[in-house]
Amino acid sequence: MHSSQRNELRQAFFTAWQKHLNKQPIEPFEAQIIEVILQHPEYHEYLNNPEKYRDKDFPEINPFLHLSLHLALREQISTNRPHGINQIYQTLCHQFADTLLVEHKMMTCLEEILWDGQQSGIMPAEQVYLQKLSQIIALNSNNSVIKD
């Protein structure tokens, strides 16, 4: 990601968070950002200090990437793109009964697909992504079977 794009994205997080803290009117997309931020109190320190973290490189877990992946996944689910992802999400929510946990499991697949695409220079195939997501369902089904 280019530096200017990274800065714009991070600024959107900082702005939405500051509006929330100051009880200012927010735009619909900012409401989505705030919802994800509220579910991740471990990242509030970063959002409370834009001067310190606006340009910081994160060699391990990048909080801005993590929050962005939540937003991307939620967009996929709400639009059902790729086709079938909403049903996979609903099935996983039924299996796990914790939507944030489900999103984190699904984001692992999304990260893997994006990484593979970035390394190969080839757009990730939706079917491969959906297969990886379906494997989460299968693995959980196998682990939840009670054996005599």
N, C-alpha and C. Protein backbone atom coordinates (compact mmCIF):
# COMPACT_ATOMS: atom_id res chain seq x y z
N MET A 1 0.85 -1.18 0.00
CA MET A 1 0.00 0.00 0.00
C MET A 1 0.89 1.23 0.00
N HIS A 2 0.55 2.18 -0.82
CA HIS A 2 1.31 3.43 -0.86
C HIS A 2 1.14 4.18 0.45
N SER A 3 2.16 4.95 0.79
CA SER A 3 2.16 5.69 2.04
C SER A 3 0.96 6.63 2.15
N SER A 4 0.61 7.32 1.06
CA SER A 4 -0.51 8.25 1.11
C SER A 4 -1.83 7.52 1.35
N GLN A 5 -1.99 6.34 0.74
CA GLN A 5 -3.20 5.54 0.97
C GLN A 5 -3.26 5.07 2.42
N ARG A 6 -2.12 4.63 2.92
CA ARG A 6 -2.05 4.17 4.31
C ARG A 6 -2.42 5.31 5.25
N ASN A 7 -1.89 6.49 5.00
CA ASN A 7 -2.17 7.64 5.85
C ASN A 7 -3.65 8.04 5.79
N GLU A 8 -4.25 7.98 4.60
CA GLU A 8 -5.67 8.31 4.46
C GLU A 8 -6.53 7.31 5.22
N LEU A 9 -6.19 6.05 5.11
CA LEU A 9 -6.94 5.01 5.81
C LEU A 9 -6.83 5.20 7.32
N ARG A 10 -5.63 5.39 7.78
CA ARG A 10 -5.44 5.59 9.22
C ARG A 10 -6.15 6.85 9.69
N GLN A 11 -6.11 7.89 8.88
CA GLN A 11 -6.79 9.13 9.27
C GLN A 11 -8.28 8.91 9.40
N ALA A 12 -8.85 8.08 8.55
CA ALA A 12 -10.28 7.78 8.66
C ALA A 12 -10.59 7.13 10.01
N PHE A 13 -9.72 6.24 10.47
CA PHE A 13 -9.90 5.62 11.79
C PHE A 13 -9.75 6.66 12.90
N PHE A 14 -8.71 7.48 12.81
CA PHE A 14 -8.49 8.50 13.84
C PHE A 14 -9.68 9.47 13.90
N THR A 15 -10.14 9.92 12.75
CA THR A 15 -11.23 10.88 12.70
C THR A 15 -12.52 10.30 13.27
N ALA A 16 -12.86 9.10 12.85
CA ALA A 16 -14.09 8.46 13.35
C ALA A 16 -14.01 8.29 14.86
N TRP A 17 -12.87 7.85 15.35
CA TRP A 17 -12.71 7.61 16.78
C TRP A 17 -12.81 8.92 17.57
N GLN A 18 -12.19 9.97 17.07
CA GLN A 18 -12.27 11.26 17.76
C GLN A 18 -13.70 11.80 17.75
N LYS A 19 -14.40 11.64 16.64
CA LYS A 19 -15.80 12.06 16.59
C LYS A 19 -16.63 11.30 17.63
N HIS A 20 -16.35 10.01 17.75
CA HIS A 20 -17.07 9.20 18.73
C HIS A 20 -16.79 9.70 20.15
N LEU A 21 -15.53 9.91 20.44
CA LEU A 21 -15.15 10.36 21.78
C LEU A 21 -15.72 11.73 22.10
N ASN A 22 -15.80 12.60 21.11
CA ASN A 22 -16.30 13.96 21.30
C ASN A 22 -17.81 14.08 21.08
N LYS A 23 -18.45 12.92 20.84
CA LYS A 23 -19.90 12.88 20.63
C LYS A 23 -20.36 13.82 19.51
N GLN A 24 -19.58 13.81 18.43
CA GLN A 24 -19.90 14.60 17.25
C GLN A 24 -20.69 13.76 16.26
N PRO A 25 -21.42 14.39 15.37
CA PRO A 25 -22.14 13.64 14.33
C PRO A 25 -21.16 12.83 13.49
N ILE A 26 -21.61 11.65 13.09
CA ILE A 26 -20.75 10.77 12.29
C ILE A 26 -21.47 10.34 11.02
N GLU A 27 -20.67 10.00 10.03
CA GLU A 27 -21.17 9.47 8.77
C GLU A 27 -21.42 7.97 8.92
N PRO A 28 -22.24 7.38 8.04
CA PRO A 28 -22.52 5.93 8.16
C PRO A 28 -21.26 5.05 8.16
N PHE A 29 -20.29 5.38 7.29
CA PHE A 29 -19.07 4.56 7.27
C PHE A 29 -18.29 4.73 8.57
N GLU A 30 -18.31 5.92 9.13
CA GLU A 30 -17.63 6.14 10.41
C GLU A 30 -18.30 5.32 11.51
N ALA A 31 -19.61 5.15 11.43
CA ALA A 31 -20.32 4.31 12.41
C ALA A 31 -19.81 2.87 12.34
N GLN A 32 -19.56 2.40 11.13
CA GLN A 32 -19.03 1.04 10.97
C GLN A 32 -17.63 0.95 11.57
N ILE A 33 -16.83 1.96 11.32
CA ILE A 33 -15.47 1.98 11.88
C ILE A 33 -15.52 1.97 13.40
N ILE A 34 -16.37 2.80 13.95
CA ILE A 34 -16.48 2.89 15.42
C ILE A 34 -16.94 1.57 16.01
N GLU A 35 -17.88 0.93 15.36
CA GLU A 35 -18.37 -0.37 15.86
C GLU A 35 -17.22 -1.38 15.97
N VAL A 36 -16.38 -1.42 14.96
CA VAL A 36 -15.24 -2.36 14.98
C VAL A 36 -14.24 -1.94 16.06
N ILE A 37 -13.98 -0.65 16.17
CA ILE A 37 -13.03 -0.17 17.18
C ILE A 37 -13.52 -0.51 18.59
N LEU A 38 -14.81 -0.33 18.83
CA LEU A 38 -15.36 -0.62 20.16
C LEU A 38 -15.21 -2.09 20.53
N GLN A 39 -15.17 -2.95 19.55
CA GLN A 39 -14.99 -4.37 19.80
C GLN A 39 -13.52 -4.74 20.04
N HIS A 40 -12.63 -3.76 19.88
CA HIS A 40 -11.20 -4.01 20.04
C HIS A 40 -10.56 -2.98 20.98
N PRO A 41 -10.86 -3.05 22.26
CA PRO A 41 -10.28 -2.07 23.20
C PRO A 41 -8.76 -2.13 23.26
N GLU A 42 -8.19 -3.23 22.86
CA GLU A 42 -6.73 -3.34 22.86
C GLU A 42 -6.08 -2.39 21.86
N TYR A 43 -6.86 -1.84 20.92
CA TYR A 43 -6.34 -0.91 19.93
C TYR A 43 -6.64 0.55 20.24
N HIS A 44 -7.35 0.81 21.30
CA HIS A 44 -7.73 2.19 21.64
C HIS A 44 -6.51 3.07 21.86
N GLU A 45 -5.47 2.52 22.44
CA GLU A 45 -4.23 3.28 22.67
C GLU A 45 -3.71 3.87 21.36
N TYR A 46 -3.73 3.08 20.30
CA TYR A 46 -3.24 3.55 19.00
C TYR A 46 -4.12 4.68 18.46
N LEU A 47 -5.41 4.51 18.61
CA LEU A 47 -6.36 5.48 18.08
C LEU A 47 -6.41 6.77 18.89
N ASN A 48 -6.03 6.67 20.14
CA ASN A 48 -5.99 7.85 21.01
C ASN A 48 -4.72 8.68 20.80
N ASN A 49 -3.78 8.16 20.03
CA ASN A 49 -2.49 8.84 19.82
C ASN A 49 -2.11 8.89 18.35
N PRO A 50 -2.87 9.63 17.56
CA PRO A 50 -2.58 9.65 16.12
C PRO A 50 -1.19 10.17 15.78
N GLU A 51 -0.69 11.12 16.55
CA GLU A 51 0.65 11.67 16.25
C GLU A 51 1.72 10.58 16.36
N LYS A 52 1.52 9.69 17.31
CA LYS A 52 2.51 8.64 17.56
C LYS A 52 2.39 7.47 16.58
N TYR A 53 1.17 7.18 16.14
CA TYR A 53 0.95 5.95 15.37
C TYR A 53 0.56 6.17 13.91
N ARG A 54 0.40 7.41 13.48
CA ARG A 54 -0.01 7.68 12.10
C ARG A 54 0.97 7.07 11.09
N ASP A 55 2.27 7.19 11.35
CA ASP A 55 3.28 6.72 10.40
C ASP A 55 4.02 5.47 10.86
N LYS A 56 3.60 4.89 11.96
CA LYS A 56 4.32 3.74 12.52
C LYS A 56 4.15 2.49 11.66
N ASP A 57 5.26 1.81 11.47
CA ASP A 57 5.21 0.49 10.84
C ASP A 57 5.03 -0.54 11.94
N PHE A 58 4.18 -1.51 11.68
CA PHE A 58 3.90 -2.55 12.65
C PHE A 58 4.42 -3.87 12.10
N PRO A 59 5.56 -4.36 12.62
CA PRO A 59 6.12 -5.60 12.08
C PRO A 59 5.30 -6.84 12.44
N GLU A 60 4.58 -6.78 13.52
CA GLU A 60 3.76 -7.93 13.93
C GLU A 60 2.31 -7.66 13.58
N ILE A 61 1.47 -7.51 14.55
CA ILE A 61 0.05 -7.28 14.32
C ILE A 61 -0.18 -5.79 14.08
N ASN A 62 -0.70 -5.47 12.92
CA ASN A 62 -1.00 -4.10 12.56
C ASN A 62 -2.47 -3.84 12.91
N PRO A 63 -2.72 -3.00 13.93
CA PRO A 63 -4.10 -2.78 14.34
C PRO A 63 -4.97 -2.18 13.24
N PHE A 64 -4.39 -1.34 12.40
CA PHE A 64 -5.16 -0.71 11.33
C PHE A 64 -5.53 -1.73 10.25
N LEU A 65 -4.62 -2.62 9.95
CA LEU A 65 -4.92 -3.70 9.00
C LEU A 65 -6.00 -4.60 9.57
N HIS A 66 -5.86 -4.94 10.84
CA HIS A 66 -6.83 -5.83 11.48
C HIS A 66 -8.24 -5.21 11.42
N LEU A 67 -8.35 -3.96 11.79
CA LEU A 67 -9.65 -3.29 11.77
C LEU A 67 -10.19 -3.18 10.34
N SER A 68 -9.30 -2.93 9.39
CA SER A 68 -9.69 -2.83 7.98
C SER A 68 -10.21 -4.16 7.45
N LEU A 69 -9.59 -5.25 7.88
CA LEU A 69 -10.06 -6.57 7.44
C LEU A 69 -11.46 -6.86 7.97
N HIS A 70 -11.74 -6.41 9.19
CA HIS A 70 -13.11 -6.56 9.70
C HIS A 70 -14.09 -5.84 8.79
N LEU A 71 -13.76 -4.61 8.43
CA LEU A 71 -14.65 -3.82 7.58
C LEU A 71 -14.82 -4.47 6.21
N ALA A 72 -13.73 -4.95 5.65
CA ALA A 72 -13.80 -5.61 4.34
C ALA A 72 -14.66 -6.87 4.41
N LEU A 73 -14.45 -7.65 5.44
CA LEU A 73 -15.23 -8.89 5.60
C LEU A 73 -16.71 -8.57 5.79
N ARG A 74 -17.01 -7.58 6.59
CA ARG A 74 -18.41 -7.21 6.81
C ARG A 74 -19.06 -6.73 5.52
N GLU A 75 -18.31 -6.05 4.70
CA GLU A 75 -18.82 -5.62 3.39
C GLU A 75 -19.10 -6.85 2.51
N GLN A 76 -18.18 -7.81 2.51
CA GLN A 76 -18.40 -9.04 1.74
C GLN A 76 -19.67 -9.74 2.20
N ILE A 77 -19.84 -9.84 3.49
CA ILE A 77 -21.00 -10.56 4.05
C ILE A 77 -22.29 -9.82 3.70
N SER A 78 -22.29 -8.50 3.86
CA SER A 78 -23.52 -7.73 3.62
C SER A 78 -23.93 -7.74 2.15
N THR A 79 -22.96 -7.84 1.25
CA THR A 79 -23.26 -7.86 -0.19
C THR A 79 -23.28 -9.28 -0.77
N ASN A 80 -22.91 -10.25 0.08
CA ASN A 80 -22.79 -11.65 -0.34
C ASN A 80 -21.87 -11.80 -1.55
N ARG A 81 -20.76 -11.07 -1.51
CA ARG A 81 -19.73 -11.13 -2.54
C ARG A 81 -18.43 -11.53 -1.91
N PRO A 82 -17.85 -12.63 -2.23
CA PRO A 82 -18.27 -13.57 -3.26
C PRO A 82 -19.55 -14.32 -2.85
N HIS A 83 -20.29 -14.70 -3.88
CA HIS A 83 -21.57 -15.36 -3.66
C HIS A 83 -21.38 -16.60 -2.78
N GLY A 84 -22.15 -16.65 -1.70
CA GLY A 84 -22.07 -17.79 -0.78
C GLY A 84 -21.43 -17.45 0.55
N ILE A 85 -20.74 -16.32 0.62
CA ILE A 85 -20.04 -15.97 1.86
C ILE A 85 -21.01 -15.68 3.00
N ASN A 86 -22.17 -15.12 2.68
CA ASN A 86 -23.14 -14.83 3.72
C ASN A 86 -23.63 -16.12 4.37
N GLN A 87 -23.89 -17.14 3.58
CA GLN A 87 -24.34 -18.42 4.12
C GLN A 87 -23.25 -19.06 4.98
N ILE A 88 -22.02 -18.98 4.54
CA ILE A 88 -20.90 -19.50 5.33
C ILE A 88 -20.84 -18.77 6.67
N TYR A 89 -20.98 -17.46 6.62
CA TYR A 89 -20.96 -16.66 7.85
C TYR A 89 -22.10 -17.08 8.79
N GLN A 90 -23.30 -17.22 8.25
CA GLN A 90 -24.45 -17.60 9.07
C GLN A 90 -24.24 -18.97 9.71
N THR A 91 -23.70 -19.90 8.95
CA THR A 91 -23.42 -21.25 9.47
C THR A 91 -22.40 -21.19 10.59
N LEU A 92 -21.34 -20.43 10.38
CA LEU A 92 -20.30 -20.30 11.41
C LEU A 92 -20.84 -19.61 12.66
N CYS A 93 -21.68 -18.61 12.49
CA CYS A 93 -22.28 -17.94 13.65
C CYS A 93 -23.13 -18.92 14.44
N HIS A 94 -23.81 -19.81 13.75
CA HIS A 94 -24.61 -20.83 14.42
C HIS A 94 -23.70 -21.82 15.16
N GLN A 95 -22.58 -22.18 14.54
CA GLN A 95 -21.65 -23.12 15.17
C GLN A 95 -20.96 -22.53 16.38
N PHE A 96 -20.54 -21.28 16.28
CA PHE A 96 -19.70 -20.69 17.33
C PHE A 96 -20.45 -19.75 18.27
N ALA A 97 -21.58 -19.20 17.85
CA ALA A 97 -22.38 -18.29 18.67
C ALA A 97 -21.59 -17.07 19.17
N ASP A 98 -20.56 -16.68 18.44
CA ASP A 98 -19.76 -15.50 18.79
C ASP A 98 -19.33 -14.86 17.48
N THR A 99 -20.01 -13.79 17.09
CA THR A 99 -19.76 -13.20 15.78
C THR A 99 -18.34 -12.66 15.63
N LEU A 100 -17.78 -12.12 16.70
CA LEU A 100 -16.41 -11.60 16.59
C LEU A 100 -15.42 -12.75 16.37
N LEU A 101 -15.61 -13.85 17.07
CA LEU A 101 -14.77 -15.03 16.86
C LEU A 101 -14.90 -15.52 15.42
N VAL A 102 -16.12 -15.55 14.93
CA VAL A 102 -16.35 -15.99 13.55
C VAL A 102 -15.61 -15.07 12.58
N GLU A 103 -15.73 -13.77 12.79
CA GLU A 103 -15.03 -12.83 11.90
C GLU A 103 -13.52 -13.07 11.95
N HIS A 104 -12.98 -13.29 13.13
CA HIS A 104 -11.54 -13.53 13.24
C HIS A 104 -11.14 -14.80 12.50
N LYS A 105 -11.93 -15.84 12.60
CA LYS A 105 -11.62 -17.08 11.87
C LYS A 105 -11.68 -16.84 10.36
N MET A 106 -12.69 -16.12 9.92
CA MET A 106 -12.84 -15.85 8.49
C MET A 106 -11.73 -14.92 8.00
N MET A 107 -11.33 -13.97 8.83
CA MET A 107 -10.27 -13.04 8.44
C MET A 107 -8.94 -13.76 8.23
N THR A 108 -8.73 -14.84 8.94
CA THR A 108 -7.51 -15.63 8.73
C THR A 108 -7.46 -16.12 7.28
N CYS A 109 -8.59 -16.58 6.77
CA CYS A 109 -8.66 -17.01 5.37
C CYS A 109 -8.48 -15.83 4.42
N LEU A 110 -9.12 -14.72 4.74
CA LEU A 110 -9.00 -13.53 3.90
C LEU A 110 -7.55 -13.06 3.83
N GLU A 111 -6.88 -13.02 4.98
CA GLU A 111 -5.47 -12.62 5.01
C GLU A 111 -4.62 -13.55 4.14
N GLU A 112 -4.88 -14.85 4.27
CA GLU A 112 -4.11 -15.84 3.51
C GLU A 112 -4.31 -15.65 2.00
N ILE A 113 -5.54 -15.46 1.60
CA ILE A 113 -5.84 -15.27 0.18
C ILE A 113 -5.19 -13.98 -0.35
N LEU A 114 -5.29 -12.93 0.43
CA LEU A 114 -4.68 -11.65 0.02
C LEU A 114 -3.16 -11.77 -0.06
N TRP A 115 -2.56 -12.45 0.92
CA TRP A 115 -1.12 -12.64 0.93
C TRP A 115 -0.68 -13.45 -0.30
N ASP A 116 -1.39 -14.55 -0.56
CA ASP A 116 -1.06 -15.38 -1.72
C ASP A 116 -1.16 -14.56 -3.02
N GLY A 117 -2.22 -13.76 -3.12
CA GLY A 117 -2.39 -12.94 -4.32
C GLY A 117 -1.30 -11.90 -4.47
N GLN A 118 -0.91 -11.32 -3.35
CA GLN A 118 0.16 -10.32 -3.38
C GLN A 118 1.49 -10.96 -3.79
N GLN A 119 1.76 -12.14 -3.28
CA GLN A 119 3.02 -12.81 -3.59
C GLN A 119 3.08 -13.30 -5.03
N SER A 120 1.95 -13.80 -5.54
CA SER A 120 1.93 -14.36 -6.89
C SER A 120 1.65 -13.31 -7.96
N GLY A 121 1.07 -12.18 -7.55
CA GLY A 121 0.70 -11.17 -8.52
C GLY A 121 -0.57 -11.52 -9.28
N ILE A 122 -1.26 -12.55 -8.81
CA ILE A 122 -2.49 -13.01 -9.46
C ILE A 122 -3.66 -12.77 -8.51
N MET A 123 -4.74 -12.26 -9.06
CA MET A 123 -5.94 -12.01 -8.27
C MET A 123 -6.42 -13.32 -7.64
N PRO A 124 -6.67 -13.33 -6.35
CA PRO A 124 -7.13 -14.56 -5.70
C PRO A 124 -8.47 -15.04 -6.26
N ALA A 125 -8.59 -16.34 -6.40
CA ALA A 125 -9.83 -16.93 -6.92
C ALA A 125 -10.87 -16.99 -5.81
N GLU A 126 -12.08 -16.51 -6.12
CA GLU A 126 -13.15 -16.52 -5.13
C GLU A 126 -13.44 -17.93 -4.65
N GLN A 127 -13.40 -18.89 -5.54
CA GLN A 127 -13.71 -20.27 -5.17
C GLN A 127 -12.71 -20.82 -4.15
N VAL A 128 -11.46 -20.47 -4.30
CA VAL A 128 -10.44 -20.91 -3.35
C VAL A 128 -10.72 -20.30 -1.98
N TYR A 129 -11.07 -19.04 -1.97
CA TYR A 129 -11.41 -18.34 -0.74
C TYR A 129 -12.61 -19.01 -0.07
N LEU A 130 -13.66 -19.27 -0.83
CA LEU A 130 -14.85 -19.90 -0.27
C LEU A 130 -14.56 -21.31 0.23
N GLN A 131 -13.67 -22.03 -0.46
CA GLN A 131 -13.29 -23.36 0.01
C GLN A 131 -12.57 -23.29 1.34
N LYS A 132 -11.67 -22.34 1.48
CA LYS A 132 -10.96 -22.16 2.75
C LYS A 132 -11.94 -21.83 3.88
N LEU A 133 -12.90 -20.97 3.58
CA LEU A 133 -13.90 -20.63 4.59
C LEU A 133 -14.76 -21.85 4.94
N SER A 134 -15.10 -22.64 3.95
CA SER A 134 -15.90 -23.85 4.19
C SER A 134 -15.14 -24.87 5.03
N GLN A 135 -13.82 -24.86 4.94
CA GLN A 135 -13.02 -25.77 5.76
C GLN A 135 -13.16 -25.46 7.24
N ILE A 136 -13.41 -24.21 7.59
CA ILE A 136 -13.63 -23.85 8.99
C ILE A 136 -14.89 -24.56 9.49
N ILE A 137 -15.93 -24.57 8.67
CA ILE A 137 -17.18 -25.25 9.03
C ILE A 137 -16.91 -26.74 9.22
N ALA A 138 -16.21 -27.33 8.26
CA ALA A 138 -15.94 -28.77 8.32
C ALA A 138 -15.10 -29.12 9.53
N LEU A 139 -14.07 -28.34 9.81
CA LEU A 139 -13.22 -28.62 10.97
C LEU A 139 -14.00 -28.52 12.26
N ASN A 140 -14.83 -27.52 12.38
CA ASN A 140 -15.62 -27.37 13.60
C ASN A 140 -16.64 -28.49 13.72
N SER A 141 -17.23 -28.91 12.61
CA SER A 141 -18.19 -30.02 12.64
C SER A 141 -17.52 -31.29 13.11
N ASN A 142 -16.30 -31.53 12.63
CA ASN A 142 -15.56 -32.73 13.04
C ASN A 142 -15.18 -32.69 14.50
N ASN A 143 -14.82 -31.50 15.00
CA ASN A 143 -14.42 -31.37 16.40
C ASN A 143 -15.59 -31.41 17.36
N SER A 144 -16.79 -31.13 16.88
CA SER A 144 -17.93 -31.09 17.78
C SER A 144 -18.71 -32.39 17.81
N VAL A 145 -18.26 -33.38 17.04
CA VAL A 145 -18.94 -34.67 17.04
C VAL A 145 -18.60 -35.41 18.34
N ILE A 146 -19.63 -35.87 19.02
CA ILE A 146 -19.43 -36.63 20.27
C ILE A 146 -19.24 -38.09 19.91
N LYS A 147 -18.16 -38.64 20.40
CA LYS A 147 -17.85 -40.04 20.09
C LYS A 147 -18.18 -40.91 21.30
N ASP A 148 -18.71 -42.12 21.02
CA ASP A 148 -19.03 -43.06 22.11
C ASP A 148 -17.81 -43.78 22.58
